[in-house]
């Protein structure tokens, strides 16, 4: 974290590190079944706790985001 911006690196194989924004990587990461790891310091500074009753709504929204395209919003 730097000035409230989260910077991420994608680690590929043996020591290959690619600077990456998390928004761009979530879909390929999920498709590959790769875990998300985060430093405790980042979670302590920027993490939020989502109450259990909101988990279902968050999951429904994630499913929506995975299927929506820009064309869906065309007038």
PDB file of N, CA and C in Angstrom:
ATOM      1  N   UNK A   1       0.858  -1.169   0.000  1.00  0.00           N
ATOM      2  CA  UNK A   1       0.000   0.000   0.000  1.00  0.00           C
ATOM      3  C   UNK A   1       0.900   1.227   0.000  1.00  0.00           C
ATOM      4  N   UNK A   2       0.516   2.141  -0.841  1.00  0.00           N
ATOM      5  CA  UNK A   2       1.248   3.400  -0.914  1.00  0.00           C
ATOM      6  C   UNK A   2       0.217   4.476  -1.214  1.00  0.00           C
ATOM      7  N   UNK A   3       0.051   5.414  -0.290  1.00  0.00           N
ATOM      8  CA  UNK A   3      -0.935   6.486  -0.421  1.00  0.00           C
ATOM      9  C   UNK A   3      -2.329   5.912  -0.709  1.00  0.00           C
ATOM     10  N   UNK A   4      -2.709   4.882   0.048  1.00  0.00           N
ATOM     11  CA  UNK A   4      -4.004   4.202  -0.054  1.00  0.00           C
ATOM     12  C   UNK A   4      -4.256   3.522  -1.397  1.00  0.00           C
ATOM     13  N   UNK A   5      -3.204   3.229  -2.138  1.00  0.00           N
ATOM     14  CA  UNK A   5      -3.317   2.473  -3.387  1.00  0.00           C
ATOM     15  C   UNK A   5      -2.624   1.138  -3.178  1.00  0.00           C
ATOM     16  N   UNK A   6      -3.333   0.062  -3.538  1.00  0.00           N
ATOM     17  CA  UNK A   6      -2.782  -1.274  -3.375  1.00  0.00           C
ATOM     18  C   UNK A   6      -2.070  -1.677  -4.652  1.00  0.00           C
ATOM     19  N   UNK A   7      -0.820  -2.038  -4.526  1.00  0.00           N
ATOM     20  CA  UNK A   7      -0.030  -2.510  -5.650  1.00  0.00           C
ATOM     21  C   UNK A   7       0.179  -4.009  -5.475  1.00  0.00           C
ATOM     22  N   UNK A   8       0.063  -4.757  -6.559  1.00  0.00           N
ATOM     23  CA  UNK A   8       0.181  -6.209  -6.476  1.00  0.00           C
ATOM     24  C   UNK A   8       1.192  -6.713  -7.494  1.00  0.00           C
ATOM     25  N   UNK A   9       1.780  -7.840  -7.171  1.00  0.00           N
ATOM     26  CA  UNK A   9       2.667  -8.539  -8.085  1.00  0.00           C
ATOM     27  C   UNK A   9       2.113  -9.926  -8.317  1.00  0.00           C
ATOM     28  N   UNK A  10       2.177 -10.373  -9.550  1.00  0.00           N
ATOM     29  CA  UNK A  10       1.795 -11.729  -9.901  1.00  0.00           C
ATOM     30  C   UNK A  10       3.075 -12.540  -9.973  1.00  0.00           C
ATOM     31  N   UNK A  11       3.133 -13.617  -9.212  1.00  0.00           N
ATOM     32  CA  UNK A  11       4.320 -14.459  -9.199  1.00  0.00           C
ATOM     33  C   UNK A  11       4.084 -15.668 -10.094  1.00  0.00           C
ATOM     34  N   UNK A  12       4.939 -15.816 -11.086  1.00  0.00           N
ATOM     35  CA  UNK A  12       4.817 -16.911 -12.040  1.00  0.00           C
ATOM     36  C   UNK A  12       6.051 -17.803 -11.957  1.00  0.00           C
ATOM     37  N   UNK A  13       5.830 -19.059 -11.682  1.00  0.00           N
ATOM     38  CA  UNK A  13       6.930 -20.007 -11.690  1.00  0.00           C
ATOM     39  C   UNK A  13       8.052 -19.635 -10.754  1.00  0.00           C
ATOM     40  N   UNK A  14       9.250 -19.856 -11.201  1.00  0.00           N
ATOM     41  CA  UNK A  14      10.442 -19.656 -10.394  1.00  0.00           C
ATOM     42  C   UNK A  14      10.938 -18.217 -10.447  1.00  0.00           C
ATOM     43  N   UNK A  15      10.424 -17.395  -9.576  1.00  0.00           N
ATOM     44  CA  UNK A  15      10.947 -16.043  -9.420  1.00  0.00           C
ATOM     45  C   UNK A  15      10.536 -15.037 -10.473  1.00  0.00           C
ATOM     46  N   UNK A  16       9.591 -15.346 -11.329  1.00  0.00           N
ATOM     47  CA  UNK A  16       9.120 -14.372 -12.312  1.00  0.00           C
ATOM     48  C   UNK A  16       8.036 -13.537 -11.655  1.00  0.00           C
ATOM     49  N   UNK A  17       8.261 -12.244 -11.572  1.00  0.00           N
ATOM     50  CA  UNK A  17       7.346 -11.334 -10.888  1.00  0.00           C
ATOM     51  C   UNK A  17       6.855 -10.289 -11.888  1.00  0.00           C
ATOM     52  N   UNK A  18       5.530 -10.150 -11.987  1.00  0.00           N
ATOM     53  CA  UNK A  18       4.920  -9.205 -12.905  1.00  0.00           C
ATOM     54  C   UNK A  18       4.071  -8.236 -12.092  1.00  0.00           C
ATOM     55  N   UNK A  19       4.306  -6.953 -12.278  1.00  0.00           N
ATOM     56  CA  UNK A  19       3.497  -5.944 -11.612  1.00  0.00           C
ATOM     57  C   UNK A  19       2.096  -6.003 -12.203  1.00  0.00           C
ATOM     58  N   UNK A  20       1.091  -6.037 -11.327  1.00  0.00           N
ATOM     59  CA  UNK A  20      -0.268  -6.225 -11.837  1.00  0.00           C
ATOM     60  C   UNK A  20      -1.296  -5.576 -10.928  1.00  0.00           C
ATOM     61  N   UNK A  21      -2.358  -5.079 -11.542  1.00  0.00           N
ATOM     62  CA  UNK A  21      -3.491  -4.551 -10.786  1.00  0.00           C
ATOM     63  C   UNK A  21      -4.428  -5.707 -10.503  1.00  0.00           C
ATOM     64  N   UNK A  22      -4.975  -5.743  -9.306  1.00  0.00           N
ATOM     65  CA  UNK A  22      -5.804  -6.868  -8.904  1.00  0.00           C
ATOM     66  C   UNK A  22      -7.073  -6.987  -9.732  1.00  0.00           C
ATOM     67  N   UNK A  23      -7.640  -5.892 -10.207  1.00  0.00           N
ATOM     68  CA  UNK A  23      -8.863  -5.959 -11.002  1.00  0.00           C
ATOM     69  C   UNK A  23      -8.641  -6.755 -12.280  1.00  0.00           C
ATOM     70  N   UNK A  24      -7.474  -6.653 -12.859  1.00  0.00           N
ATOM     71  CA  UNK A  24      -7.174  -7.338 -14.104  1.00  0.00           C
ATOM     72  C   UNK A  24      -6.870  -8.815 -13.901  1.00  0.00           C
ATOM     73  N   UNK A  25      -6.508  -9.172 -12.701  1.00  0.00           N
ATOM     74  CA  UNK A  25      -6.049 -10.534 -12.461  1.00  0.00           C
ATOM     75  C   UNK A  25      -7.070 -11.448 -11.815  1.00  0.00           C
ATOM     76  N   UNK A  26      -8.152 -10.916 -11.299  1.00  0.00           N
ATOM     77  CA  UNK A  26      -9.049 -11.759 -10.523  1.00  0.00           C
ATOM     78  C   UNK A  26      -9.689 -12.857 -11.357  1.00  0.00           C
ATOM     79  N   UNK A  27     -10.159 -12.553 -12.537  1.00  0.00           N
ATOM     80  CA  UNK A  27     -10.807 -13.576 -13.361  1.00  0.00           C
ATOM     81  C   UNK A  27      -9.835 -14.686 -13.766  1.00  0.00           C
ATOM     82  N   UNK A  28      -8.642 -14.374 -14.319  1.00  0.00           N
ATOM     83  CA  UNK A  28      -7.716 -15.470 -14.640  1.00  0.00           C
ATOM     84  C   UNK A  28      -7.256 -16.225 -13.391  1.00  0.00           C
ATOM     85  N   UNK A  29      -7.110 -15.519 -12.271  1.00  0.00           N
ATOM     86  CA  UNK A  29      -6.707 -16.174 -11.039  1.00  0.00           C
ATOM     87  C   UNK A  29      -7.769 -17.172 -10.605  1.00  0.00           C
ATOM     88  N   UNK A  30      -9.027 -16.752 -10.646  1.00  0.00           N
ATOM     89  CA  UNK A  30     -10.117 -17.634 -10.246  1.00  0.00           C
ATOM     90  C   UNK A  30     -10.217 -18.830 -11.179  1.00  0.00           C
ATOM     91  N   UNK A  31     -10.049 -18.604 -12.479  1.00  0.00           N
ATOM     92  CA  UNK A  31     -10.126 -19.695 -13.449  1.00  0.00           C
ATOM     93  C   UNK A  31      -9.022 -20.725 -13.212  1.00  0.00           C
ATOM     94  N   UNK A  32      -7.868 -20.267 -12.783  1.00  0.00           N
ATOM     95  CA  UNK A  32      -6.754 -21.175 -12.520  1.00  0.00           C
ATOM     96  C   UNK A  32      -6.834 -21.796 -11.130  1.00  0.00           C
ATOM     97  N   UNK A  33      -7.734 -21.285 -10.304  1.00  0.00           N
ATOM     98  CA  UNK A  33      -7.847 -21.802  -8.940  1.00  0.00           C
ATOM     99  C   UNK A  33      -6.676 -21.406  -8.059  1.00  0.00           C
ATOM    100  N   UNK A  34      -6.009 -20.313  -8.421  1.00  0.00           N
ATOM    101  CA  UNK A  34      -4.847 -19.853  -7.668  1.00  0.00           C
ATOM    102  C   UNK A  34      -5.289 -19.096  -6.422  1.00  0.00           C
ATOM    103  N   UNK A  35      -4.571 -19.273  -5.324  1.00  0.00           N
ATOM    104  CA  UNK A  35      -4.939 -18.568  -4.088  1.00  0.00           C
ATOM    105  C   UNK A  35      -4.569 -17.089  -4.150  1.00  0.00           C
ATOM    106  N   UNK A  36      -5.228 -16.320  -3.306  1.00  0.00           N
ATOM    107  CA  UNK A  36      -4.870 -14.912  -3.114  1.00  0.00           C
ATOM    108  C   UNK A  36      -4.150 -14.830  -1.780  1.00  0.00           C
ATOM    109  N   UNK A  37      -2.984 -14.255  -1.778  1.00  0.00           N
ATOM    110  CA  UNK A  37      -2.230 -14.086  -0.543  1.00  0.00           C
ATOM    111  C   UNK A  37      -1.972 -12.599  -0.347  1.00  0.00           C
ATOM    112  N   UNK A  38      -1.981 -12.194   0.905  1.00  0.00           N
ATOM    113  CA  UNK A  38      -1.818 -10.775   1.213  1.00  0.00           C
ATOM    114  C   UNK A  38      -1.054 -10.643   2.524  1.00  0.00           C
ATOM    115  N   UNK A  39      -0.205  -9.652   2.598  1.00  0.00           N
ATOM    116  CA  UNK A  39       0.542  -9.391   3.819  1.00  0.00           C
ATOM    117  C   UNK A  39      -0.409  -8.963   4.934  1.00  0.00           C
ATOM    118  N   UNK A  40      -0.172  -9.432   6.140  1.00  0.00           N
ATOM    119  CA  UNK A  40      -1.001  -9.070   7.292  1.00  0.00           C
ATOM    120  C   UNK A  40      -1.085  -7.557   7.468  1.00  0.00           C
ATOM    121  N   UNK A  41       0.002  -6.858   7.202  1.00  0.00           N
ATOM    122  CA  UNK A  41       0.028  -5.402   7.347  1.00  0.00           C
ATOM    123  C   UNK A  41      -0.987  -4.744   6.414  1.00  0.00           C
ATOM    124  N   UNK A  42      -1.107  -5.246   5.178  1.00  0.00           N
ATOM    125  CA  UNK A  42      -2.061  -4.690   4.227  1.00  0.00           C
ATOM    126  C   UNK A  42      -3.485  -4.935   4.717  1.00  0.00           C
ATOM    127  N   UNK A  43      -3.761  -6.154   5.187  1.00  0.00           N
ATOM    128  CA  UNK A  43      -5.093  -6.462   5.710  1.00  0.00           C
ATOM    129  C   UNK A  43      -5.428  -5.596   6.913  1.00  0.00           C
ATOM    130  N   UNK A  44      -4.459  -5.393   7.794  1.00  0.00           N
ATOM    131  CA  UNK A  44      -4.700  -4.579   8.984  1.00  0.00           C
ATOM    132  C   UNK A  44      -5.004  -3.129   8.605  1.00  0.00           C
ATOM    133  N   UNK A  45      -4.349  -2.648   7.558  1.00  0.00           N
ATOM    134  CA  UNK A  45      -4.509  -1.248   7.165  1.00  0.00           C
ATOM    135  C   UNK A  45      -5.735  -1.021   6.270  1.00  0.00           C
ATOM    136  N   UNK A  46      -6.009  -1.941   5.357  1.00  0.00           N
ATOM    137  CA  UNK A  46      -7.037  -1.677   4.349  1.00  0.00           C
ATOM    138  C   UNK A  46      -8.167  -2.699   4.325  1.00  0.00           C
ATOM    139  N   UNK A  47      -8.049  -3.763   5.086  1.00  0.00           N
ATOM    140  CA  UNK A  47      -9.078  -4.801   5.064  1.00  0.00           C
ATOM    141  C   UNK A  47     -10.368  -4.371   5.736  1.00  0.00           C
ATOM    142  N   UNK A  48     -11.459  -4.981   5.311  1.00  0.00           N
ATOM    143  CA  UNK A  48     -12.748  -4.741   5.946  1.00  0.00           C
ATOM    144  C   UNK A  48     -13.376  -6.093   6.287  1.00  0.00           C
ATOM    145  N   UNK A  49     -14.206  -6.091   7.292  1.00  0.00           N
ATOM    146  CA  UNK A  49     -14.918  -7.302   7.683  1.00  0.00           C
ATOM    147  C   UNK A  49     -16.339  -7.190   7.149  1.00  0.00           C
ATOM    148  N   UNK A  50     -16.751  -8.198   6.385  1.00  0.00           N
ATOM    149  CA  UNK A  50     -18.101  -8.218   5.827  1.00  0.00           C
ATOM    150  C   UNK A  50     -18.957  -9.110   6.716  1.00  0.00           C
ATOM    151  N   UNK A  51     -20.024  -8.559   7.289  1.00  0.00           N
ATOM    152  CA  UNK A  51     -20.899  -9.372   8.138  1.00  0.00           C
ATOM    153  C   UNK A  51     -21.466 -10.559   7.357  1.00  0.00           C
ATOM    154  N   UNK A  52     -21.686 -11.688   8.058  1.00  0.00           N
ATOM    155  CA  UNK A  52     -22.155 -12.912   7.417  1.00  0.00           C
ATOM    156  C   UNK A  52     -23.417 -12.711   6.598  1.00  0.00           C
ATOM    157  N   UNK A  53     -24.340 -11.896   7.067  1.00  0.00           N
ATOM    158  CA  UNK A  53     -25.597 -11.717   6.345  1.00  0.00           C
ATOM    159  C   UNK A  53     -25.398 -11.018   5.000  1.00  0.00           C
ATOM    160  N   UNK A  54     -24.268 -10.354   4.823  1.00  0.00           N
ATOM    161  CA  UNK A  54     -23.992  -9.682   3.549  1.00  0.00           C
ATOM    162  C   UNK A  54     -23.223 -10.575   2.586  1.00  0.00           C
ATOM    163  N   UNK A  55     -22.708 -11.690   3.061  1.00  0.00           N
ATOM    164  CA  UNK A  55     -21.919 -12.588   2.219  1.00  0.00           C
ATOM    165  C   UNK A  55     -22.686 -13.040   0.984  1.00  0.00           C
ATOM    166  N   UNK A  56     -23.962 -13.411   1.146  1.00  0.00           N
ATOM    167  CA  UNK A  56     -24.755 -13.874   0.009  1.00  0.00           C
ATOM    168  C   UNK A  56     -24.909 -12.783  -1.039  1.00  0.00           C
ATOM    169  N   UNK A  57     -25.153 -11.566  -0.595  1.00  0.00           N
ATOM    170  CA  UNK A  57     -25.304 -10.444  -1.526  1.00  0.00           C
ATOM    171  C   UNK A  57     -23.997 -10.176  -2.264  1.00  0.00           C
ATOM    172  N   UNK A  58     -22.898 -10.258  -1.552  1.00  0.00           N
ATOM    173  CA  UNK A  58     -21.590 -10.038  -2.170  1.00  0.00           C
ATOM    174  C   UNK A  58     -21.339 -11.115  -3.224  1.00  0.00           C
ATOM    175  N   UNK A  59     -21.648 -12.361  -2.905  1.00  0.00           N
ATOM    176  CA  UNK A  59     -21.449 -13.463  -3.858  1.00  0.00           C
ATOM    177  C   UNK A  59     -22.332 -13.285  -5.092  1.00  0.00           C
ATOM    178  N   UNK A  60     -23.578 -12.878  -4.908  1.00  0.00           N
ATOM    179  CA  UNK A  60     -24.466 -12.638  -6.048  1.00  0.00           C
ATOM    180  C   UNK A  60     -23.912 -11.523  -6.937  1.00  0.00           C
ATOM    181  N   UNK A  61     -23.374 -10.485  -6.312  1.00  0.00           N
ATOM    182  CA  UNK A  61     -22.809  -9.376  -7.079  1.00  0.00           C
ATOM    183  C   UNK A  61     -21.569  -9.825  -7.844  1.00  0.00           C
ATOM    184  N   UNK A  62     -20.733 -10.651  -7.229  1.00  0.00           N
ATOM    185  CA  UNK A  62     -19.551 -11.178  -7.924  1.00  0.00           C
ATOM    186  C   UNK A  62     -19.969 -12.005  -9.142  1.00  0.00           C
ATOM    187  N   UNK A  63     -20.981 -12.829  -8.980  1.00  0.00           N
ATOM    188  CA  UNK A  63     -21.478 -13.624 -10.106  1.00  0.00           C
ATOM    189  C   UNK A  63     -21.984 -12.723 -11.224  1.00  0.00           C
ATOM    190  N   UNK A  64     -22.693 -11.669 -10.861  1.00  0.00           N
ATOM    191  CA  UNK A  64     -23.170 -10.703 -11.848  1.00  0.00           C
ATOM    192  C   UNK A  64     -21.994 -10.077 -12.591  1.00  0.00           C
ATOM    193  N   UNK A  65     -20.962  -9.645 -11.860  1.00  0.00           N
ATOM    194  CA  UNK A  65     -19.805  -9.003 -12.479  1.00  0.00           C
ATOM    195  C   UNK A  65     -19.069  -9.933 -13.428  1.00  0.00           C
ATOM    196  N   UNK A  66     -19.051 -11.214 -13.127  1.00  0.00           N
ATOM    197  CA  UNK A  66     -18.366 -12.172 -13.995  1.00  0.00           C
ATOM    198  C   UNK A  66     -19.085 -12.346 -15.327  1.00  0.00           C
ATOM    199  N   UNK A  67     -20.376 -12.078 -15.365  1.00  0.00           N
ATOM    200  CA  UNK A  67     -21.149 -12.326 -16.570  1.00  0.00           C
ATOM    201  C   UNK A  67     -21.503 -11.072 -17.353  1.00  0.00           C
ATOM    202  N   UNK A  68     -21.428  -9.906 -16.741  1.00  0.00           N
ATOM    203  CA  UNK A  68     -21.837  -8.672 -17.401  1.00  0.00           C
ATOM    204  C   UNK A  68     -20.764  -8.205 -18.390  1.00  0.00           C
ATOM    205  N   UNK A  69     -21.220  -7.571 -19.470  1.00  0.00           N
ATOM    206  CA  UNK A  69     -20.305  -7.005 -20.460  1.00  0.00           C
ATOM    207  C   UNK A  69     -20.668  -5.540 -20.677  1.00  0.00           C
ATOM    208  N   UNK A  70     -19.770  -4.748 -21.231  1.00  0.00           N
ATOM    209  CA  UNK A  70     -20.091  -3.342 -21.507  1.00  0.00           C
ATOM    210  C   UNK A  70     -21.321  -3.196 -22.404  1.00  0.00           C
ATOM    211  N   UNK A  71     -21.516  -4.137 -23.312  1.00  0.00           N
ATOM    212  CA  UNK A  71     -22.657  -4.084 -24.226  1.00  0.00           C
ATOM    213  C   UNK A  71     -23.983  -4.168 -23.481  1.00  0.00           C
ATOM    214  N   UNK A  72     -23.987  -4.789 -22.297  1.00  0.00           N
ATOM    215  CA  UNK A  72     -25.208  -4.896 -21.505  1.00  0.00           C
ATOM    216  C   UNK A  72     -25.726  -3.529 -21.071  1.00  0.00           C
ATOM    217  N   UNK A  73     -24.858  -2.526 -21.069  1.00  0.00           N
ATOM    218  CA  UNK A  73     -25.238  -1.199 -20.618  1.00  0.00           C
ATOM    219  C   UNK A  73     -25.489  -0.235 -21.768  1.00  0.00           C
ATOM    220  N   UNK A  74     -25.374  -0.725 -22.996  1.00  0.00           N
ATOM    221  CA  UNK A  74     -25.580   0.138 -24.176  1.00  0.00           C
ATOM    222  C   UNK A  74     -27.048   0.532 -24.268  1.00  0.00           C
ATOM    223  N   UNK A  75     -27.300   1.764 -24.603  1.00  0.00           N
ATOM    224  CA  UNK A  75     -28.653   2.293 -24.659  1.00  0.00           C
ATOM    225  C   UNK A  75     -29.316   2.047 -25.923  1.00  0.00           C
TER     226      UNK A  75
END
